């Protein structure tokens, strides 16, 4: 019998398991962020603030289009972990086929719809006229390659659900090197403009998806995946319903947050290309800070999912405490660094002499600190909610965080109190505390214990 690659987290050292699982996740996320960061740096150095703005706006739009795969992949990862915790590994192959086929069909449909509505969406975003042409090029290429972005996320979620975070990292590392080389080639050498940066990203994602997919198929016996090609076309109805029941709230949450961010961006972009470019840089820095939170949430969701099904509740609490200790420490370090070297950090993304962009730095510093600690606080709570598979809490959080508070606070501070673009950024940062508040109430209620007894 071949050795299994599936990992169980219901016994052993929590700290060792959390770090061994989350570090490759962190590195994978870091490399994924570097995709668009490299795009922004290379384009910004070659084409100035107009190029930076184009990548920022186009990247925001593409992030919105990934809401389905982010939500359903996270749901699939949790369900896989719960199958493992419940000792039902024989169901894994059928579930993987159902989830993969469903999400790849979604990718095709969303790609087609987004291309049809592209110009209307860019109008709604108040895309600056100076960067409009570049934004159209960047968004179009990414829309055409959406199936690769979806494909990698699906395969990565399958591996993470089984406790393997190392191989997704290796394949995304391959893609990162490819992206860097192609960025330099397409943008700096061939002068293909902002569209060249997007093409480099899509090709790199395709390399990552195909490599990871081939690996999973070749090693399917070691992952105990007994599937046939029919499973990808003829989906299991009960498994699909379970995925939809948990995935829809997670997808709505992802979509609501992205939609609200675009809503805020539409107002910010109206202040001109300098503010638009600064917003893109600020979002990129926030995504770096949020990276450790996401990796801890992802690792914690799988670990908590297994332990809840096994009814090891004390172990769940210890996992949450370990996550909080790590994320709060990182938030402190980030806050100190950005306060000590603000202009040096933001200056990495713009040409020398772009004072109109750097002049906004000092007023943004308190907001950045709030973003860092909001990200740290929500990690353990998101891990608990996701790991429990509680779709109601996810849906409530999605509505409050993504729509009510994020849009409401942004309008209140930005327009109501006359704080302008700083007010919109402040409202966005305050809304980021919603998952912590909702998760804390969920924890105190004890409902997460009852979630462990529900069926997938």
Protein backbone atom coordinates (compact mmCIF):
# COMPACT_ATOMS: atom_id res chain seq x y z
CA UNK A 1 0.00 0.00 0.00
CA UNK A 2 1.35 3.44 -0.95
CA UNK A 3 1.92 5.92 1.81
CA UNK A 4 -0.73 8.58 2.21
CA UNK A 5 0.00 12.28 1.77
CA UNK A 6 -3.06 13.28 3.81
CA UNK A 7 -2.23 14.95 7.13
CA UNK A 8 -4.34 14.82 10.28
CA UNK A 9 -4.20 17.61 12.88
CA UNK A 10 -6.23 16.07 15.70
CA UNK A 11 -3.14 15.20 17.77
CA UNK A 12 0.45 16.34 18.18
CA UNK A 13 2.09 19.73 18.68
CA UNK A 14 -0.25 22.55 17.67
CA UNK A 15 2.52 25.11 17.24
CA UNK A 16 4.59 22.80 15.05
CA UNK A 17 1.61 21.85 12.90
CA UNK A 18 0.39 25.44 12.59
CA UNK A 19 3.77 26.78 11.52
CA UNK A 20 4.66 23.88 9.21
CA UNK A 21 1.28 24.28 7.50
CA UNK A 22 1.04 28.09 7.48
CA UNK A 23 4.59 29.01 6.42
CA UNK A 24 4.21 27.57 2.89
CA UNK A 25 0.79 29.25 2.75
CA UNK A 26 2.38 32.55 3.72
CA UNK A 27 5.10 32.16 1.12
CA UNK A 28 2.54 31.16 -1.52
CA UNK A 29 0.43 34.22 -0.73
CA UNK A 30 3.53 36.40 -0.75
CA UNK A 31 4.46 35.20 -4.20
CA UNK A 32 0.90 35.71 -5.45
CA UNK A 33 0.97 39.28 -4.20
CA UNK A 34 4.33 39.71 -5.89
CA UNK A 35 2.62 38.95 -9.21
CA UNK A 36 0.70 42.19 -9.18
CA UNK A 37 3.34 44.05 -7.18
CA UNK A 38 5.97 43.31 -9.81
CA UNK A 39 3.46 44.43 -12.43
CA UNK A 40 2.93 47.69 -10.55
CA UNK A 41 6.63 48.36 -9.96
CA UNK A 42 7.76 47.56 -13.52
CA UNK A 43 4.87 49.44 -15.15
CA UNK A 44 5.23 52.35 -12.71
CA UNK A 45 8.93 52.74 -13.44
CA UNK A 46 8.40 52.56 -17.23
CA UNK A 47 5.07 54.38 -17.67
CA UNK A 48 4.82 56.56 -14.54
CA UNK A 49 1.79 57.20 -12.35
CA UNK A 50 -0.63 56.58 -15.25
CA UNK A 51 0.70 53.04 -15.50
CA UNK A 52 0.53 52.57 -11.74
CA UNK A 53 -3.08 53.73 -11.72
CA UNK A 54 -3.98 51.39 -14.60
CA UNK A 55 -2.59 48.34 -12.80
CA UNK A 56 -4.29 49.41 -9.56
CA UNK A 57 -7.76 49.88 -11.07
CA UNK A 58 -7.47 46.87 -13.38
CA UNK A 59 -6.22 44.72 -10.53
CA UNK A 60 -9.16 45.76 -8.32
CA UNK A 61 -11.58 44.75 -11.06
CA UNK A 62 -9.92 41.36 -11.57
CA UNK A 63 -9.96 40.73 -7.82
CA UNK A 64 -13.72 41.22 -7.87
CA UNK A 65 -14.08 38.57 -10.59
CA UNK A 66 -12.38 35.97 -8.39
CA UNK A 67 -15.03 36.13 -5.66
CA UNK A 68 -16.69 32.87 -6.74
CA UNK A 69 -13.54 30.79 -6.73
CA UNK A 70 -12.26 32.32 -3.47
CA UNK A 71 -15.50 31.58 -1.65
CA UNK A 72 -16.10 28.11 -3.04
CA UNK A 73 -12.45 27.05 -2.81
CA UNK A 74 -12.41 28.01 0.87
CA UNK A 75 -15.64 26.08 1.36
CA UNK A 76 -14.20 23.07 -0.48
CA UNK A 77 -11.07 23.13 1.65
CA UNK A 78 -13.16 23.07 4.84
CA UNK A 79 -15.38 20.24 3.56
CA UNK A 80 -12.34 18.16 2.59
CA UNK A 81 -10.89 18.68 6.07
CA UNK A 82 -14.20 17.62 7.63
CA UNK A 83 -14.33 14.47 5.49
CA UNK A 84 -10.86 13.61 6.77
CA UNK A 85 -11.74 14.38 10.39
CA UNK A 86 -14.89 12.22 10.08
CA UNK A 87 -12.85 9.31 8.62
CA UNK A 88 -14.75 9.46 5.29
CA UNK A 89 -11.81 9.55 2.90
CA UNK A 90 -13.62 7.36 0.37
CA UNK A 91 -15.76 10.41 -0.51
CA UNK A 92 -12.82 12.67 -1.39
CA UNK A 93 -12.42 11.71 -5.06
CA UNK A 94 -16.08 12.20 -5.92
CA UNK A 95 -16.14 15.56 -4.11
CA UNK A 96 -12.99 16.80 -5.86
CA UNK A 97 -14.50 16.00 -9.27
CA UNK A 98 -17.75 17.75 -8.41
CA UNK A 99 -16.09 20.90 -7.06
CA UNK A 100 -13.56 21.18 -9.89
CA UNK A 101 -16.08 20.75 -12.69
CA UNK A 102 -18.52 23.23 -11.14
CA UNK A 103 -15.94 25.98 -10.57
CA UNK A 104 -14.29 25.70 -13.97
CA UNK A 105 -17.71 26.11 -15.56
CA UNK A 106 -18.24 29.20 -13.38
CA UNK A 107 -14.89 30.61 -14.58
CA UNK A 108 -15.93 30.35 -18.22
CA UNK A 109 -19.26 32.06 -17.61
CA UNK A 110 -17.84 34.89 -15.50
CA UNK A 111 -15.08 35.52 -18.05
CA UNK A 112 -17.63 35.93 -20.85
CA UNK A 113 -19.95 38.20 -18.82
CA UNK A 114 -17.12 40.43 -17.59
CA UNK A 115 -15.84 40.99 -21.13
CA UNK A 116 -19.30 42.10 -22.23
CA UNK A 117 -19.65 44.55 -19.32
CA UNK A 118 -16.02 45.71 -19.17
CA UNK A 119 -16.48 49.29 -20.38
CA UNK A 120 -19.55 49.92 -18.24
CA UNK A 121 -17.71 48.68 -15.14
CA UNK A 122 -14.71 50.90 -15.83
CA UNK A 123 -17.04 53.87 -16.26
CA UNK A 124 -18.66 53.08 -12.91
CA UNK A 125 -15.21 52.95 -11.30
CA UNK A 126 -14.47 56.51 -12.49
CA UNK A 127 -11.29 55.26 -14.12
CA UNK A 128 -9.00 58.27 -14.62
CA UNK A 129 -8.88 59.35 -18.27
CA UNK A 130 -5.07 59.35 -18.28
CA UNK A 131 -4.92 55.66 -17.35
CA UNK A 132 -8.08 54.46 -19.14
CA UNK A 133 -6.35 52.84 -22.11
CA UNK A 134 -3.91 50.91 -19.91
CA UNK A 135 -6.68 49.81 -17.55
CA UNK A 136 -8.73 48.43 -20.46
CA UNK A 137 -5.73 46.46 -21.74
CA UNK A 138 -4.87 45.04 -18.31
CA UNK A 139 -8.45 44.05 -17.45
CA UNK A 140 -9.14 42.47 -20.86
CA UNK A 141 -6.13 40.16 -20.79
CA UNK A 142 -6.86 39.05 -17.21
CA UNK A 143 -10.53 38.41 -18.05
CA UNK A 144 -9.52 36.18 -20.95
CA UNK A 145 -7.20 34.21 -18.67
CA UNK A 146 -9.63 33.92 -15.76
CA UNK A 147 -9.91 30.12 -16.15
CA UNK A 148 -6.22 29.76 -15.17
CA UNK A 149 -6.72 31.90 -12.05
CA UNK A 150 -9.73 29.80 -11.07
CA UNK A 151 -7.99 26.54 -11.89
CA UNK A 152 -5.01 27.19 -9.66
CA UNK A 153 -7.19 28.24 -6.74
CA UNK A 154 -9.25 25.04 -7.04
CA UNK A 155 -6.27 22.68 -7.15
CA UNK A 156 -4.52 24.59 -4.36
CA UNK A 157 -7.62 24.37 -2.14
CA UNK A 158 -7.80 20.60 -2.68
CA UNK A 159 -4.20 20.13 -1.56
CA UNK A 160 -4.58 22.49 1.43
CA UNK A 161 -7.72 20.70 2.55
CA UNK A 162 -5.62 17.54 2.78
CA UNK A 163 -2.96 19.29 4.80
CA UNK A 164 -0.46 19.81 1.97
CA UNK A 165 0.62 23.43 1.70
CA UNK A 166 4.16 22.73 0.47
CA UNK A 167 3.41 21.76 -3.12
CA UNK A 168 1.08 24.71 -3.88
CA UNK A 169 3.96 26.93 -2.75
CA UNK A 170 6.45 25.20 -5.05
CA UNK A 171 4.21 25.63 -8.07
CA UNK A 172 3.42 29.25 -7.32
CA UNK A 173 7.17 29.86 -6.90
CA UNK A 174 7.69 28.55 -10.42
CA UNK A 175 4.99 30.90 -11.64
CA UNK A 176 6.52 33.88 -9.81
CA UNK A 177 9.87 33.44 -11.51
CA UNK A 178 8.07 33.13 -14.84
CA UNK A 179 6.06 36.29 -14.14
CA UNK A 180 9.13 38.33 -13.23
CA UNK A 181 11.01 37.33 -16.37
CA UNK A 182 8.02 37.90 -18.64
CA UNK A 183 7.25 41.27 -17.00
CA UNK A 184 10.73 42.52 -17.80
CA UNK A 185 10.56 41.05 -21.30
CA UNK A 186 7.06 42.26 -22.25
CA UNK A 187 7.06 45.68 -20.53
CA UNK A 188 10.66 46.89 -20.30
CA UNK A 189 12.09 45.26 -23.45
CA UNK A 190 9.21 44.81 -25.92
CA UNK A 191 7.28 47.85 -24.61
CA UNK A 192 3.93 46.04 -24.76
CA UNK A 193 2.43 48.45 -22.22
CA UNK A 194 0.17 47.60 -19.30
CA UNK A 195 -1.37 44.75 -21.29
CA UNK A 196 2.04 43.10 -21.42
CA UNK A 197 2.16 43.01 -17.62
CA UNK A 198 -1.27 41.37 -17.54
CA UNK A 199 -0.20 38.82 -20.16
CA UNK A 200 2.83 37.92 -18.04
CA UNK A 201 0.53 37.34 -15.06
CA UNK A 202 -1.93 35.16 -17.00
CA UNK A 203 0.80 33.01 -18.55
CA UNK A 204 2.38 32.55 -15.13
CA UNK A 205 -0.94 31.52 -13.57
CA UNK A 206 -1.43 29.04 -16.40
CA UNK A 207 1.97 27.49 -15.72
CA UNK A 208 1.13 27.19 -12.03
CA UNK A 209 -2.32 25.69 -12.63
CA UNK A 210 -1.19 23.07 -15.15
CA UNK A 211 1.84 22.04 -13.07
CA UNK A 212 -0.19 21.69 -9.90
CA UNK A 213 -3.01 19.86 -11.66
CA UNK A 214 -0.66 17.34 -13.29
CA UNK A 215 0.99 16.70 -9.91
CA UNK A 216 -2.36 16.05 -8.21
CA UNK A 217 -3.49 13.65 -10.93
CA UNK A 218 -0.22 11.72 -10.91
CA UNK A 219 -0.23 11.45 -7.10
CA UNK A 220 -3.97 10.84 -6.70
CA UNK A 221 -3.50 7.40 -5.11
CA UNK A 222 -1.26 8.87 -2.41
CA UNK A 223 -3.96 11.49 -1.73
CA UNK A 224 -6.57 8.72 -1.70
CA UNK A 225 -8.48 10.33 -4.55
CA UNK A 226 -10.46 7.63 -6.31
CA UNK A 227 -12.08 9.62 -9.12
CA UNK A 228 -12.81 9.13 -12.78
CA UNK A 229 -13.27 11.72 -15.50
CA UNK A 230 -17.03 11.22 -15.21
CA UNK A 231 -16.90 12.80 -11.73
CA UNK A 232 -15.86 16.13 -13.30
CA UNK A 233 -18.90 16.14 -15.59
CA UNK A 234 -21.61 14.18 -13.77
CA UNK A 235 -21.58 15.89 -10.39
CA UNK A 236 -22.73 14.35 -7.12
CA UNK A 237 -25.94 16.21 -6.25
CA UNK A 238 -25.64 15.99 -2.46
CA UNK A 239 -21.99 17.05 -2.49
CA UNK A 240 -22.73 19.95 -4.83
CA UNK A 241 -25.55 21.13 -2.57
CA UNK A 242 -23.24 20.94 0.45
CA UNK A 243 -20.60 22.94 -1.41
CA UNK A 244 -23.17 25.52 -2.53
CA UNK A 245 -24.68 25.83 0.96
CA UNK A 246 -21.29 26.69 2.47
CA UNK A 247 -19.73 28.30 -0.59
CA UNK A 248 -22.42 30.86 -1.38
CA UNK A 249 -22.04 32.78 1.92
CA UNK A 250 -18.24 32.69 1.55
CA UNK A 251 -18.51 33.84 -2.06
CA UNK A 252 -20.96 36.58 -1.10
CA UNK A 253 -18.59 37.66 1.62
CA UNK A 254 -15.67 37.82 -0.80
CA UNK A 255 -17.80 39.57 -3.44
CA UNK A 256 -19.29 42.03 -0.98
CA UNK A 257 -15.89 43.07 0.30
CA UNK A 258 -14.47 43.41 -3.20
CA UNK A 259 -17.58 45.24 -4.42
CA UNK A 260 -17.46 47.67 -1.52
CA UNK A 261 -13.76 48.26 -2.12
CA UNK A 262 -14.52 49.06 -5.74
CA UNK A 263 -17.33 51.35 -4.58
CA UNK A 264 -14.85 53.19 -2.37
CA UNK A 265 -12.30 53.20 -5.21
CA UNK A 266 -14.82 54.79 -7.56
CA UNK A 267 -14.96 57.81 -5.25
CA UNK A 268 -11.22 57.84 -4.64
CA UNK A 269 -10.42 57.66 -8.38
CA UNK A 270 -12.51 60.80 -8.90
CA UNK A 271 -9.88 62.76 -6.93
CA UNK A 272 -7.38 62.30 -9.76
CA UNK A 273 -4.58 60.06 -10.93
CA UNK A 274 -2.20 60.87 -8.03
CA UNK A 275 -4.73 59.77 -5.39
CA UNK A 276 -5.66 56.75 -7.50
CA UNK A 277 -2.01 55.71 -7.76
CA UNK A 278 -1.49 56.21 -4.01
CA UNK A 279 -4.57 54.10 -3.27
CA UNK A 280 -3.13 51.30 -5.38
CA UNK A 281 0.14 51.39 -3.44
CA UNK A 282 -1.67 51.56 -0.09
CA UNK A 283 -3.83 48.55 -1.03
CA UNK A 284 -0.71 46.63 -2.01
CA UNK A 285 0.96 47.34 1.33
CA UNK A 286 -2.23 46.37 3.17
CA UNK A 287 -2.30 43.09 1.26
CA UNK A 288 1.23 42.33 2.46
CA UNK A 289 0.17 42.98 6.04
CA UNK A 290 -2.96 40.91 5.55
CA UNK A 291 -0.95 38.02 4.17
CA UNK A 292 0.03 36.51 7.52
CA UNK A 293 -3.58 36.80 8.64
CA UNK A 294 -4.82 34.95 5.55
CA UNK A 295 -2.23 32.19 5.85
CA UNK A 296 -3.07 31.67 9.54
CA UNK A 297 -6.79 31.70 8.75
CA UNK A 298 -6.35 29.14 5.97
CA UNK A 299 -4.20 26.82 8.07
CA UNK A 300 -6.41 27.31 11.12
CA UNK A 301 -9.59 26.57 9.16
CA UNK A 302 -8.32 23.14 8.13
CA UNK A 303 -6.99 22.34 11.60
CA UNK A 304 -10.12 23.56 13.39
CA UNK A 305 -12.37 21.80 10.88
CA UNK A 306 -10.75 18.44 11.64
CA UNK A 307 -10.79 18.97 15.40
CA UNK A 308 -14.39 20.14 15.54
CA UNK A 309 -15.59 17.00 13.77
CA UNK A 310 -13.44 14.97 16.18
CA UNK A 311 -15.00 17.02 19.06
CA UNK A 312 -11.62 18.11 20.44
CA UNK A 313 -12.79 21.52 21.65
CA UNK A 314 -9.86 22.37 23.95
CA UNK A 315 -7.55 21.87 21.03
CA UNK A 316 -9.63 24.30 18.97
CA UNK A 317 -9.17 27.00 21.62
CA UNK A 318 -5.41 26.47 21.68
CA UNK A 319 -5.23 26.78 17.90
CA UNK A 320 -7.03 30.12 18.09
CA UNK A 321 -4.67 31.43 20.77
CA UNK A 322 -1.60 30.47 18.73
CA UNK A 323 -2.99 32.27 15.70
CA UNK A 324 -3.72 35.46 17.67
CA UNK A 325 -0.22 35.52 19.19
CA UNK A 326 1.41 35.36 15.76
CA UNK A 327 -0.79 37.86 13.93
CA UNK A 328 -0.71 40.52 16.65
CA UNK A 329 3.09 40.30 16.83
CA UNK A 330 3.36 40.80 13.08
CA UNK A 331 0.95 43.76 13.16
CA UNK A 332 3.15 45.45 15.74
CA UNK A 333 6.27 45.01 13.63
CA UNK A 334 4.55 46.34 10.48
CA UNK A 335 3.25 49.38 12.36
CA UNK A 336 6.69 50.28 13.69
CA UNK A 337 8.34 49.92 10.29
CA UNK A 338 5.85 52.04 8.35
CA UNK A 339 5.97 54.78 11.01
CA UNK A 340 9.77 54.89 10.94
CA UNK A 341 10.24 54.73 7.15
CA UNK A 342 6.98 55.89 5.50
CA UNK A 343 8.31 57.70 2.44
CA UNK A 344 10.95 55.05 1.77
CA UNK A 345 8.28 52.32 1.72
CA UNK A 346 5.84 54.15 -0.56
CA UNK A 347 8.68 55.46 -2.71
CA UNK A 348 9.44 51.92 -3.91
CA UNK A 349 6.41 52.06 -6.19
CA UNK A 350 6.85 55.41 -7.94
CA UNK A 351 9.40 57.31 -9.98
CA UNK A 352 11.62 59.83 -8.28
CA UNK A 353 10.01 63.22 -8.11
CA UNK A 354 6.40 61.96 -7.87
CA UNK A 355 5.79 64.28 -4.91
CA UNK A 356 2.04 64.46 -5.62
CA UNK A 357 1.80 60.80 -4.61
CA UNK A 358 4.25 60.81 -1.68
CA UNK A 359 2.64 63.94 -0.20
CA UNK A 360 -0.30 61.78 0.92
CA UNK A 361 1.79 59.44 3.08
CA UNK A 362 1.76 61.13 6.49
CA UNK A 363 -2.02 61.53 6.69
CA UNK A 364 -2.44 57.84 5.85
CA UNK A 365 -0.20 56.41 8.61
CA UNK A 366 -2.86 56.11 11.39
CA UNK A 367 -5.18 54.38 8.93
CA UNK A 368 -2.48 51.88 7.97
CA UNK A 369 -1.94 50.94 11.64
CA UNK A 370 -5.67 50.37 12.07
CA UNK A 371 -5.63 48.13 8.99
CA UNK A 372 -2.73 46.08 10.36
CA UNK A 373 -4.37 45.36 13.72
CA UNK A 374 -7.80 44.78 12.21
CA UNK A 375 -6.24 42.12 10.01
CA UNK A 376 -4.51 40.53 13.01
CA UNK A 377 -7.64 40.38 15.16
CA UNK A 378 -9.90 38.79 12.58
CA UNK A 379 -7.58 35.86 11.77
CA UNK A 380 -8.44 33.55 14.72
CA UNK A 381 -12.14 34.37 14.45
CA UNK A 382 -12.25 33.72 10.70
CA UNK A 383 -10.48 30.40 11.25
CA UNK A 384 -13.13 29.36 13.78
CA UNK A 385 -16.10 30.44 11.67
CA UNK A 386 -14.75 28.88 8.47
CA UNK A 387 -13.62 25.69 10.20
CA UNK A 388 -17.03 25.23 11.78
CA UNK A 389 -18.70 25.40 8.37
CA UNK A 390 -21.31 27.82 9.74
CA UNK A 391 -22.78 29.44 6.64
CA UNK A 392 -25.16 31.72 8.56
CA UNK A 393 -22.37 33.56 10.40
CA UNK A 394 -20.41 33.87 7.17
CA UNK A 395 -23.42 35.37 5.41
CA UNK A 396 -24.15 37.81 8.24
CA UNK A 397 -20.51 38.90 8.32
CA UNK A 398 -20.51 39.32 4.54
CA UNK A 399 -23.48 41.66 4.62
CA UNK A 400 -22.26 43.72 7.58
CA UNK A 401 -18.59 43.89 6.63
CA UNK A 402 -18.87 44.07 2.88
CA UNK A 403 -21.92 46.27 2.46
CA UNK A 404 -23.37 47.92 5.56
CA UNK A 405 -20.26 49.07 7.41
CA UNK A 406 -17.67 49.35 4.64
CA UNK A 407 -19.86 51.46 2.39
CA UNK A 408 -21.67 53.16 5.27
CA UNK A 409 -18.53 54.19 7.17
CA UNK A 410 -16.79 55.29 3.97
CA UNK A 411 -19.66 57.57 2.99
CA UNK A 412 -20.00 58.86 6.55
CA UNK A 413 -16.36 59.85 6.95
CA UNK A 414 -15.61 60.67 3.31
CA UNK A 415 -18.69 62.73 2.45
CA UNK A 416 -20.71 63.24 5.63
CA UNK A 417 -17.81 64.50 7.73
CA UNK A 418 -15.96 65.99 4.78
CA UNK A 419 -12.70 64.06 5.24
CA UNK A 420 -12.40 63.33 1.52
CA UNK A 421 -10.29 60.40 0.37
CA UNK A 422 -8.81 59.98 3.86
CA UNK A 423 -12.35 59.48 5.14
CA UNK A 424 -13.02 56.76 2.59
CA UNK A 425 -9.82 54.97 3.60
CA UNK A 426 -10.71 55.30 7.28
CA UNK A 427 -14.19 53.85 6.76
CA UNK A 428 -12.72 50.90 4.90
CA UNK A 429 -10.26 50.23 7.74
CA UNK A 430 -12.92 50.39 10.47
CA UNK A 431 -15.16 47.96 8.58
CA UNK A 432 -12.30 45.46 8.69
CA UNK A 433 -12.98 44.94 12.41
CA UNK A 434 -16.41 43.43 11.68
CA UNK A 435 -15.20 39.80 11.29
CA UNK A 436 -13.51 40.00 14.69
CA UNK A 437 -16.66 41.27 16.40
CA UNK A 438 -18.89 38.68 14.72
CA UNK A 439 -16.44 35.87 15.39
CA UNK A 440 -16.06 36.87 19.03
CA UNK A 441 -19.82 36.74 19.54
CA UNK A 442 -19.95 33.37 17.77
CA UNK A 443 -17.21 32.04 20.05
CA UNK A 444 -18.87 33.30 23.23
CA UNK A 445 -22.21 31.79 22.20
CA UNK A 446 -20.76 28.28 22.04
CA UNK A 447 -22.57 27.66 18.73
CA UNK A 448 -19.29 26.52 17.17
CA UNK A 449 -19.44 23.38 19.31
CA UNK A 450 -22.85 22.52 17.91
CA UNK A 451 -21.57 23.08 14.38
CA UNK A 452 -19.23 20.13 14.83
CA UNK A 453 -22.20 17.76 15.03
CA UNK A 454 -23.79 18.93 11.77
CA UNK A 455 -23.29 16.95 8.57
CA UNK A 456 -21.37 18.19 5.59
